[in-house]
Amino acid sequence: MIPLWTIILIILILVMILASAIKIVREYERGVIFRLGRLLGAKGPGLFFILPIFDNMIKIDLREHVLDVPSQDAITSDNIPVKVNAVVYFHVMNPEDAVIRIQNFMMGTSQMAQTTLRSIIGQAELDSLLKERDKINHRLQNILDEATDAWGVKVSAVEIKEVEIPEGMQRAMARAAEAERERRARIIAAEGELQASEKLAQAAHVIGKEPAAIQIRTLQTMADISTEGTNTVFLPFPIEFLRAFGEKKKGK
């Protein structure tokens, strides 16, 4: 007769073997199965069984990963030192390649993002880096996506978060921006003066053709002065009187 403790031990061993044979993979996961070191494929989601001891399973998360790229020191093409950090969004498209083609796809994507970011910054000018960030983001995404495609990884987006430049360069850029604003203000003022002078010349030309217009304008000026509450009395003196006086003087 088999002792009781032996039966209990056998039952415990069977339970452990059965527990290790049952695998549950969530909806956003895949289980990459190896049997005696040979790849069988990816399974999931759901419940399935593997052969204990002979089979090994590695779970791969298929959800979108957010990778924070630390600040990278780089020099732009116009020789300006900058510090740039970014964020990379990617997910695993092929879990089998993510396991057998690279040891750690998370680390590999991070290192690839850092080196690519430094390379792209070195090829761009500071002005384009600040103003054309969307184009640089798109270029980074294309390069990273092509490089990580062999690992079964899809890079969906790359965003540059912050660009740090030296304080001296910031002050120089501020002075340049202020000078540009002053230049534009002077141009606008000059254009306004030119337009005003053209309108005054046109008005003078019209008034010169119509002498009565001068008297009407004089009356309007008097009306404007009277509404300002001033004590000054303005008496218009017709220019015809001076002309008549001049003609009499010549007759003598």
C-alpha atoms as a PDB file:
ATOM      1  CA  MET A   1       0.000   0.000   0.000  1.00  0.00           C
ATOM      2  CA  ILE A   2       1.271   3.435  -0.986  1.00  0.00           C
ATOM      3  CA  PRO A   3       1.789   5.739   1.977  1.00  0.00           C
ATOM      4  CA  LEU A   4      -0.476   8.762   2.270  1.00  0.00           C
ATOM      5  CA  TRP A   5       2.352  11.283   2.162  1.00  0.00           C
ATOM      6  CA  THR A   6       3.503   9.801  -1.155  1.00  0.00           C
ATOM      7  CA  ILE A   7       0.037  10.236  -2.650  1.00  0.00           C
ATOM      8  CA  ILE A   8      -0.081  13.819  -1.410  1.00  0.00           C
ATOM      9  CA  LEU A   9       3.356  14.504  -2.904  1.00  0.00           C
ATOM     10  CA  ILE A  10       2.330  13.042  -6.264  1.00  0.00           C
ATOM     11  CA  ILE A  11      -0.830  15.147  -6.283  1.00  0.00           C
ATOM     12  CA  LEU A  12       1.175  18.287  -5.482  1.00  0.00           C
ATOM     13  CA  ILE A  13       3.594  17.546  -8.303  1.00  0.00           C
ATOM     14  CA  LEU A  14       0.737  16.990 -10.764  1.00  0.00           C
ATOM     15  CA  VAL A  15      -0.922  20.237  -9.670  1.00  0.00           C
ATOM     16  CA  MET A  16       2.341  22.135 -10.148  1.00  0.00           C
ATOM     17  CA  ILE A  17       2.868  20.614 -13.592  1.00  0.00           C
ATOM     18  CA  LEU A  18      -0.703  21.398 -14.600  1.00  0.00           C
ATOM     19  CA  ALA A  19      -0.419  24.956 -13.289  1.00  0.00           C
ATOM     20  CA  SER A  20       2.784  25.524 -15.242  1.00  0.00           C
ATOM     21  CA  ALA A  21       1.124  24.115 -18.371  1.00  0.00           C
ATOM     22  CA  ILE A  22      -1.803  26.516 -18.251  1.00  0.00           C
ATOM     23  CA  LYS A  23      -1.072  29.940 -19.711  1.00  0.00           C
ATOM     24  CA  ILE A  24      -3.395  32.948 -19.895  1.00  0.00           C
ATOM     25  CA  VAL A  25      -2.590  35.796 -22.248  1.00  0.00           C
ATOM     26  CA  ARG A  26      -4.505  39.056 -22.098  1.00  0.00           C
ATOM     27  CA  GLU A  27      -6.074  40.800 -25.078  1.00  0.00           C
ATOM     28  CA  TYR A  28      -3.172  43.248 -25.427  1.00  0.00           C
ATOM     29  CA  GLU A  29      -0.495  40.555 -25.066  1.00  0.00           C
ATOM     30  CA  ARG A  30       0.970  37.733 -27.134  1.00  0.00           C
ATOM     31  CA  GLY A  31       2.895  34.723 -25.884  1.00  0.00           C
ATOM     32  CA  VAL A  32       5.934  33.729 -27.962  1.00  0.00           C
ATOM     33  CA  ILE A  33       6.448  29.964 -27.483  1.00  0.00           C
ATOM     34  CA  PHE A  34       9.802  28.136 -27.704  1.00  0.00           C
ATOM     35  CA  ARG A  35       9.990  24.312 -27.586  1.00  0.00           C
ATOM     36  CA  LEU A  36      13.429  22.969 -26.769  1.00  0.00           C
ATOM     37  CA  GLY A  37      14.825  26.270 -27.964  1.00  0.00           C
ATOM     38  CA  ARG A  38      13.016  26.273 -31.308  1.00  0.00           C
ATOM     39  CA  LEU A  39      10.477  28.961 -32.080  1.00  0.00           C
ATOM     40  CA  LEU A  40       6.900  27.668 -32.387  1.00  0.00           C
ATOM     41  CA  GLY A  41       5.144  31.006 -32.838  1.00  0.00           C
ATOM     42  CA  ALA A  42       3.055  33.536 -30.978  1.00  0.00           C
ATOM     43  CA  LYS A  43      -0.209  32.619 -29.271  1.00  0.00           C
ATOM     44  CA  GLY A  44      -3.005  34.526 -27.647  1.00  0.00           C
ATOM     45  CA  PRO A  45      -5.081  36.096 -26.431  1.00  0.00           C
ATOM     46  CA  GLY A  46      -6.899  33.627 -24.198  1.00  0.00           C
ATOM     47  CA  LEU A  47      -6.186  30.332 -22.440  1.00  0.00           C
ATOM     48  CA  PHE A  48      -3.883  27.654 -23.864  1.00  0.00           C
ATOM     49  CA  PHE A  49      -1.555  24.870 -22.717  1.00  0.00           C
ATOM     50  CA  ILE A  50       2.174  24.318 -23.144  1.00  0.00           C
ATOM     51  CA  LEU A  51       4.395  21.350 -22.339  1.00  0.00           C
ATOM     52  CA  PRO A  52       6.112  21.939 -19.028  1.00  0.00           C
ATOM     53  CA  ILE A  53       9.892  21.654 -19.015  1.00  0.00           C
ATOM     54  CA  PHE A  54       9.974  21.452 -22.847  1.00  0.00           C
ATOM     55  CA  ASP A  55       8.197  24.731 -23.628  1.00  0.00           C
ATOM     56  CA  ASN A  56       9.068  28.286 -22.653  1.00  0.00           C
ATOM     57  CA  MET A  57       6.868  31.337 -23.160  1.00  0.00           C
ATOM     58  CA  ILE A  58       7.769  35.044 -23.329  1.00  0.00           C
ATOM     59  CA  LYS A  59       4.966  37.605 -23.079  1.00  0.00           C
ATOM     60  CA  ILE A  60       5.083  40.675 -25.295  1.00  0.00           C
ATOM     61  CA  ASP A  61       2.952  43.753 -24.653  1.00  0.00           C
ATOM     62  CA  LEU A  62       1.345  45.060 -27.858  1.00  0.00           C
ATOM     63  CA  ARG A  63       0.103  48.332 -26.390  1.00  0.00           C
ATOM     64  CA  GLU A  64       1.536  51.726 -27.318  1.00  0.00           C
ATOM     65  CA  HIS A  65       4.768  52.423 -25.485  1.00  0.00           C
ATOM     66  CA  VAL A  66       5.803  55.948 -24.485  1.00  0.00           C
ATOM     67  CA  LEU A  67       9.573  56.371 -24.432  1.00  0.00           C
ATOM     68  CA  ASP A  68      11.088  59.512 -22.917  1.00  0.00           C
ATOM     69  CA  VAL A  69      14.343  60.383 -24.677  1.00  0.00           C
ATOM     70  CA  PRO A  70      16.653  62.247 -22.248  1.00  0.00           C
ATOM     71  CA  SER A  71      18.261  65.562 -23.192  1.00  0.00           C
ATOM     72  CA  GLN A  72      20.924  65.177 -25.851  1.00  0.00           C
ATOM     73  CA  ASP A  73      23.838  67.576 -26.312  1.00  0.00           C
ATOM     74  CA  ALA A  74      24.271  68.442 -29.968  1.00  0.00           C
ATOM     75  CA  ILE A  75      25.648  71.163 -32.229  1.00  0.00           C
ATOM     76  CA  THR A  76      23.494  72.488 -35.046  1.00  0.00           C
ATOM     77  CA  SER A  77      24.767  72.926 -38.585  1.00  0.00           C
ATOM     78  CA  ASP A  78      25.362  76.651 -37.856  1.00  0.00           C
ATOM     79  CA  ASN A  79      27.615  75.719 -34.887  1.00  0.00           C
ATOM     80  CA  ILE A  80      25.235  76.503 -32.005  1.00  0.00           C
ATOM     81  CA  PRO A  81      25.254  74.123 -29.015  1.00  0.00           C
ATOM     82  CA  VAL A  82      21.798  72.982 -27.920  1.00  0.00           C
ATOM     83  CA  LYS A  83      20.150  70.457 -25.623  1.00  0.00           C
ATOM     84  CA  VAL A  84      17.138  68.660 -27.037  1.00  0.00           C
ATOM     85  CA  ASN A  85      14.832  66.060 -25.498  1.00  0.00           C
ATOM     86  CA  ALA A  86      11.973  64.184 -27.127  1.00  0.00           C
ATOM     87  CA  VAL A  87       9.302  61.545 -26.639  1.00  0.00           C
ATOM     88  CA  VAL A  88       8.774  58.495 -28.875  1.00  0.00           C
ATOM     89  CA  TYR A  89       5.510  56.588 -29.315  1.00  0.00           C
ATOM     90  CA  PHE A  90       5.833  53.027 -30.626  1.00  0.00           C
ATOM     91  CA  HIS A  91       4.277  49.567 -30.381  1.00  0.00           C
ATOM     92  CA  VAL A  92       5.196  45.994 -31.313  1.00  0.00           C
ATOM     93  CA  MET A  93       3.778  44.836 -34.635  1.00  0.00           C
ATOM     94  CA  ASN A  94       5.494  41.432 -34.781  1.00  0.00           C
ATOM     95  CA  PRO A  95       6.088  39.866 -31.343  1.00  0.00           C
ATOM     96  CA  GLU A  96       8.215  37.070 -32.788  1.00  0.00           C
ATOM     97  CA  ASP A  97      10.735  39.487 -34.331  1.00  0.00           C
ATOM     98  CA  ALA A  98      10.726  41.578 -31.143  1.00  0.00           C
ATOM     99  CA  VAL A  99      11.980  38.505 -29.254  1.00  0.00           C
ATOM    100  CA  ILE A 100      14.370  36.731 -31.623  1.00  0.00           C
ATOM    101  CA  ARG A 101      15.877  39.671 -33.562  1.00  0.00           C
ATOM    102  CA  ILE A 102      16.937  41.867 -30.643  1.00  0.00           C
ATOM    103  CA  GLN A 103      17.764  41.156 -27.046  1.00  0.00           C
ATOM    104  CA  ASN A 104      15.762  44.084 -25.624  1.00  0.00           C
ATOM    105  CA  PHE A 105      13.604  46.019 -28.065  1.00  0.00           C
ATOM    106  CA  MET A 106      12.830  48.718 -25.469  1.00  0.00           C
ATOM    107  CA  MET A 107      16.505  49.455 -24.879  1.00  0.00           C
ATOM    108  CA  GLY A 108      17.294  49.198 -28.579  1.00  0.00           C
ATOM    109  CA  THR A 109      14.564  51.687 -29.510  1.00  0.00           C
ATOM    110  CA  SER A 110      15.742  54.082 -26.800  1.00  0.00           C
ATOM    111  CA  GLN A 111      19.368  54.022 -27.941  1.00  0.00           C
ATOM    112  CA  MET A 112      18.357  54.348 -31.594  1.00  0.00           C
ATOM    113  CA  ALA A 113      16.182  57.372 -30.739  1.00  0.00           C
ATOM    114  CA  GLN A 114      19.041  59.100 -28.923  1.00  0.00           C
ATOM    115  CA  THR A 115      21.591  58.645 -31.695  1.00  0.00           C
ATOM    116  CA  THR A 116      19.093  59.593 -34.402  1.00  0.00           C
ATOM    117  CA  LEU A 117      18.065  62.723 -32.503  1.00  0.00           C
ATOM    118  CA  ARG A 118      21.684  63.905 -32.228  1.00  0.00           C
ATOM    119  CA  SER A 119      22.275  63.185 -35.900  1.00  0.00           C
ATOM    120  CA  ILE A 120      19.200  65.097 -37.107  1.00  0.00           C
ATOM    121  CA  ILE A 121      19.953  68.079 -34.854  1.00  0.00           C
ATOM    122  CA  GLY A 122      23.475  68.228 -36.242  1.00  0.00           C
ATOM    123  CA  GLN A 123      22.086  68.518 -39.777  1.00  0.00           C
ATOM    124  CA  ALA A 124      19.583  71.306 -38.988  1.00  0.00           C
ATOM    125  CA  GLU A 125      20.041  75.015 -38.369  1.00  0.00           C
ATOM    126  CA  LEU A 126      18.826  76.585 -35.139  1.00  0.00           C
ATOM    127  CA  ASP A 127      16.220  78.692 -36.923  1.00  0.00           C
ATOM    128  CA  SER A 128      14.668  75.656 -38.641  1.00  0.00           C
ATOM    129  CA  LEU A 129      14.859  73.692 -35.385  1.00  0.00           C
ATOM    130  CA  LEU A 130      12.740  76.328 -33.655  1.00  0.00           C
ATOM    131  CA  LYS A 131      10.324  77.149 -36.487  1.00  0.00           C
ATOM    132  CA  GLU A 132      10.029  73.874 -38.438  1.00  0.00           C
ATOM    133  CA  ARG A 133       9.725  71.408 -35.588  1.00  0.00           C
ATOM    134  CA  ASP A 134       6.948  69.443 -37.275  1.00  0.00           C
ATOM    135  CA  LYS A 135       9.181  68.644 -40.250  1.00  0.00           C
ATOM    136  CA  ILE A 136      11.998  67.492 -37.966  1.00  0.00           C
ATOM    137  CA  ASN A 137       9.564  65.351 -35.953  1.00  0.00           C
ATOM    138  CA  HIS A 138       8.317  63.714 -39.141  1.00  0.00           C
ATOM    139  CA  ARG A 139      11.873  63.062 -40.322  1.00  0.00           C
ATOM    140  CA  LEU A 140      12.823  61.531 -36.980  1.00  0.00           C
ATOM    141  CA  GLN A 141       9.758  59.290 -37.072  1.00  0.00           C
ATOM    142  CA  ASN A 142      10.559  58.022 -40.575  1.00  0.00           C
ATOM    143  CA  ILE A 143      14.193  57.237 -39.746  1.00  0.00           C
ATOM    144  CA  LEU A 144      13.344  55.459 -36.480  1.00  0.00           C
ATOM    145  CA  ASP A 145      10.497  53.516 -38.050  1.00  0.00           C
ATOM    146  CA  GLU A 146      12.765  52.257 -40.814  1.00  0.00           C
ATOM    147  CA  ALA A 147      15.525  51.311 -38.358  1.00  0.00           C
ATOM    148  CA  THR A 148      13.234  49.430 -35.954  1.00  0.00           C
ATOM    149  CA  ASP A 149      11.156  47.694 -38.613  1.00  0.00           C
ATOM    150  CA  ALA A 150      13.504  44.679 -38.526  1.00  0.00           C
ATOM    151  CA  TRP A 151      12.680  44.268 -34.813  1.00  0.00           C
ATOM    152  CA  GLY A 152       8.936  44.145 -35.432  1.00  0.00           C
ATOM    153  CA  VAL A 153       8.530  47.593 -33.887  1.00  0.00           C
ATOM    154  CA  LYS A 154       6.395  50.369 -35.398  1.00  0.00           C
ATOM    155  CA  VAL A 155       7.274  53.976 -34.451  1.00  0.00           C
ATOM    156  CA  SER A 156       4.030  55.924 -34.732  1.00  0.00           C
ATOM    157  CA  ALA A 157       5.203  59.395 -33.658  1.00  0.00           C
ATOM    158  CA  VAL A 158       8.189  61.383 -32.417  1.00  0.00           C
ATOM    159  CA  GLU A 159       7.802  64.753 -30.691  1.00  0.00           C
ATOM    160  CA  ILE A 160      10.601  67.138 -29.706  1.00  0.00           C
ATOM    161  CA  LYS A 161       9.602  68.501 -26.315  1.00  0.00           C
ATOM    162  CA  GLU A 162      12.147  71.201 -25.496  1.00  0.00           C
ATOM    163  CA  VAL A 163      15.106  72.918 -27.125  1.00  0.00           C
ATOM    164  CA  GLU A 164      17.563  74.569 -24.732  1.00  0.00           C
ATOM    165  CA  ILE A 165      20.021  77.141 -26.095  1.00  0.00           C
ATOM    166  CA  PRO A 166      22.779  79.074 -24.263  1.00  0.00           C
ATOM    167  CA  GLU A 167      21.777  82.251 -22.397  1.00  0.00           C
ATOM    168  CA  GLY A 168      24.082  84.407 -24.534  1.00  0.00           C
ATOM    169  CA  MET A 169      22.349  83.162 -27.664  1.00  0.00           C
ATOM    170  CA  GLN A 170      18.959  83.827 -26.096  1.00  0.00           C
ATOM    171  CA  ARG A 171      19.936  87.456 -25.402  1.00  0.00           C
ATOM    172  CA  ALA A 172      21.258  87.855 -28.943  1.00  0.00           C
ATOM    173  CA  MET A 173      18.038  86.438 -30.377  1.00  0.00           C
ATOM    174  CA  ALA A 174      16.005  88.792 -28.176  1.00  0.00           C
ATOM    175  CA  ARG A 175      18.008  91.793 -29.426  1.00  0.00           C
ATOM    176  CA  ALA A 176      17.582  90.654 -33.022  1.00  0.00           C
ATOM    177  CA  ALA A 177      13.835  90.245 -32.528  1.00  0.00           C
ATOM    178  CA  GLU A 178      13.582  93.721 -30.980  1.00  0.00           C
ATOM    179  CA  ALA A 179      15.528  95.242 -33.876  1.00  0.00           C
ATOM    180  CA  GLU A 180      13.253  93.484 -36.337  1.00  0.00           C
ATOM    181  CA  ARG A 181      10.166  94.851 -34.583  1.00  0.00           C
ATOM    182  CA  GLU A 182      11.588  98.384 -34.648  1.00  0.00           C
ATOM    183  CA  ARG A 183      12.407  98.050 -38.347  1.00  0.00           C
ATOM    184  CA  ARG A 184       8.872  96.952 -39.139  1.00  0.00           C
ATOM    185  CA  ALA A 185       7.402  99.784 -37.036  1.00  0.00           C
ATOM    186  CA  ARG A 186       9.493 102.353 -38.898  1.00  0.00           C
ATOM    187  CA  ILE A 187       8.493 100.922 -42.253  1.00  0.00           C
ATOM    188  CA  ILE A 188       4.818 101.030 -41.287  1.00  0.00           C
ATOM    189  CA  ALA A 189       5.172 104.630 -40.047  1.00  0.00           C
ATOM    190  CA  ALA A 190       6.957 105.661 -43.252  1.00  0.00           C
ATOM    191  CA  GLU A 191       4.286 104.025 -45.382  1.00  0.00           C
ATOM    192  CA  GLY A 192       1.627 105.885 -43.390  1.00  0.00           C
ATOM    193  CA  GLU A 193       3.418 109.214 -43.913  1.00  0.00           C
ATOM    194  CA  LEU A 194       3.687 108.518 -47.627  1.00  0.00           C
ATOM    195  CA  GLN A 195       0.003 107.697 -47.937  1.00  0.00           C
ATOM    196  CA  ALA A 196      -0.937 110.806 -45.907  1.00  0.00           C
ATOM    197  CA  SER A 197       1.233 113.059 -48.078  1.00  0.00           C
ATOM    198  CA  GLU A 198      -0.324 111.619 -51.225  1.00  0.00           C
ATOM    199  CA  LYS A 199      -3.821 112.283 -49.875  1.00  0.00           C
ATOM    200  CA  LEU A 200      -2.857 115.854 -48.851  1.00  0.00           C
ATOM    201  CA  ALA A 201      -1.467 116.513 -52.297  1.00  0.00           C
ATOM    202  CA  GLN A 202      -4.668 115.271 -53.869  1.00  0.00           C
ATOM    203  CA  ALA A 203      -6.736 117.465 -51.515  1.00  0.00           C
ATOM    204  CA  ALA A 204      -4.626 120.519 -52.293  1.00  0.00           C
ATOM    205  CA  HIS A 205      -5.049 119.878 -56.001  1.00  0.00           C
ATOM    206  CA  VAL A 206      -8.843 119.681 -55.648  1.00  0.00           C
ATOM    207  CA  ILE A 207      -9.041 122.798 -53.446  1.00  0.00           C
ATOM    208  CA  GLY A 208      -6.837 124.722 -55.890  1.00  0.00           C
ATOM    209  CA  LYS A 209      -9.369 124.149 -58.624  1.00  0.00           C
ATOM    210  CA  GLU A 210     -12.307 125.286 -56.456  1.00  0.00           C
ATOM    211  CA  PRO A 211     -11.635 128.558 -54.495  1.00  0.00           C
ATOM    212  CA  ALA A 212     -14.953 128.236 -52.676  1.00  0.00           C
ATOM    213  CA  ALA A 213     -13.667 125.038 -51.121  1.00  0.00           C
ATOM    214  CA  ILE A 214     -11.117 127.088 -49.173  1.00  0.00           C
ATOM    215  CA  GLN A 215     -13.849 129.149 -47.546  1.00  0.00           C
ATOM    216  CA  ILE A 216     -15.836 126.005 -46.680  1.00  0.00           C
ATOM    217  CA  ARG A 217     -12.758 124.463 -45.111  1.00  0.00           C
ATOM    218  CA  THR A 218     -12.147 127.667 -43.164  1.00  0.00           C
ATOM    219  CA  LEU A 219     -15.683 127.595 -41.754  1.00  0.00           C
ATOM    220  CA  GLN A 220     -15.222 123.965 -40.742  1.00  0.00           C
ATOM    221  CA  THR A 221     -12.000 124.845 -38.928  1.00  0.00           C
ATOM    222  CA  MET A 222     -13.739 127.664 -37.074  1.00  0.00           C
ATOM    223  CA  ALA A 223     -16.532 125.304 -36.027  1.00  0.00           C
ATOM    224  CA  ASP A 224     -13.956 122.784 -34.715  1.00  0.00           C
ATOM    225  CA  ILE A 225     -12.154 125.481 -32.719  1.00  0.00           C
ATOM    226  CA  SER A 226     -15.380 126.771 -31.161  1.00  0.00           C
ATOM    227  CA  THR A 227     -16.224 123.297 -29.776  1.00  0.00           C
ATOM    228  CA  GLU A 228     -12.932 122.943 -27.879  1.00  0.00           C
ATOM    229  CA  GLY A 229     -13.822 125.592 -25.227  1.00  0.00           C
ATOM    230  CA  THR A 230     -10.956 127.968 -26.100  1.00  0.00           C
ATOM    231  CA  ASN A 231     -10.930 131.783 -25.547  1.00  0.00           C
ATOM    232  CA  THR A 232      -9.063 132.467 -28.758  1.00  0.00           C
ATOM    233  CA  VAL A 233     -11.050 134.321 -31.394  1.00  0.00           C
ATOM    234  CA  PHE A 234     -10.302 133.390 -34.983  1.00  0.00           C
ATOM    235  CA  LEU A 235     -11.258 135.904 -37.710  1.00  0.00           C
ATOM    236  CA  PRO A 236     -10.714 134.792 -41.282  1.00  0.00           C
ATOM    237  CA  PHE A 237      -9.110 137.395 -43.556  1.00  0.00           C
ATOM    238  CA  PRO A 238      -9.959 136.867 -47.212  1.00  0.00           C
ATOM    239  CA  ILE A 239      -6.897 136.739 -49.393  1.00  0.00           C
ATOM    240  CA  GLU A 240      -8.787 138.766 -52.052  1.00  0.00           C
ATOM    241  CA  PHE A 241      -8.344 141.913 -49.947  1.00  0.00           C
ATOM    242  CA  LEU A 242      -4.598 141.594 -50.135  1.00  0.00           C
ATOM    243  CA  ARG A 243      -4.752 141.026 -53.841  1.00  0.00           C
ATOM    244  CA  ALA A 244      -6.895 144.148 -54.378  1.00  0.00           C
ATOM    245  CA  PHE A 245      -4.512 146.199 -52.264  1.00  0.00           C
ATOM    246  CA  GLY A 246      -1.563 144.937 -54.281  1.00  0.00           C
ATOM    247  CA  GLU A 247      -3.229 145.844 -57.566  1.00  0.00           C
ATOM    248  CA  LYS A 248      -3.915 149.436 -56.413  1.00  0.00           C
ATOM    249  CA  LYS A 249      -0.323 149.833 -55.354  1.00  0.00           C
ATOM    250  CA  LYS A 250       0.876 148.719 -58.752  1.00  0.00           C
ATOM    251  CA  GLY A 251      -1.533 151.212 -60.479  1.00  0.00           C
ATOM    252  CA  LYS A 252       0.176 154.101 -58.750  1.00  0.00           C
END
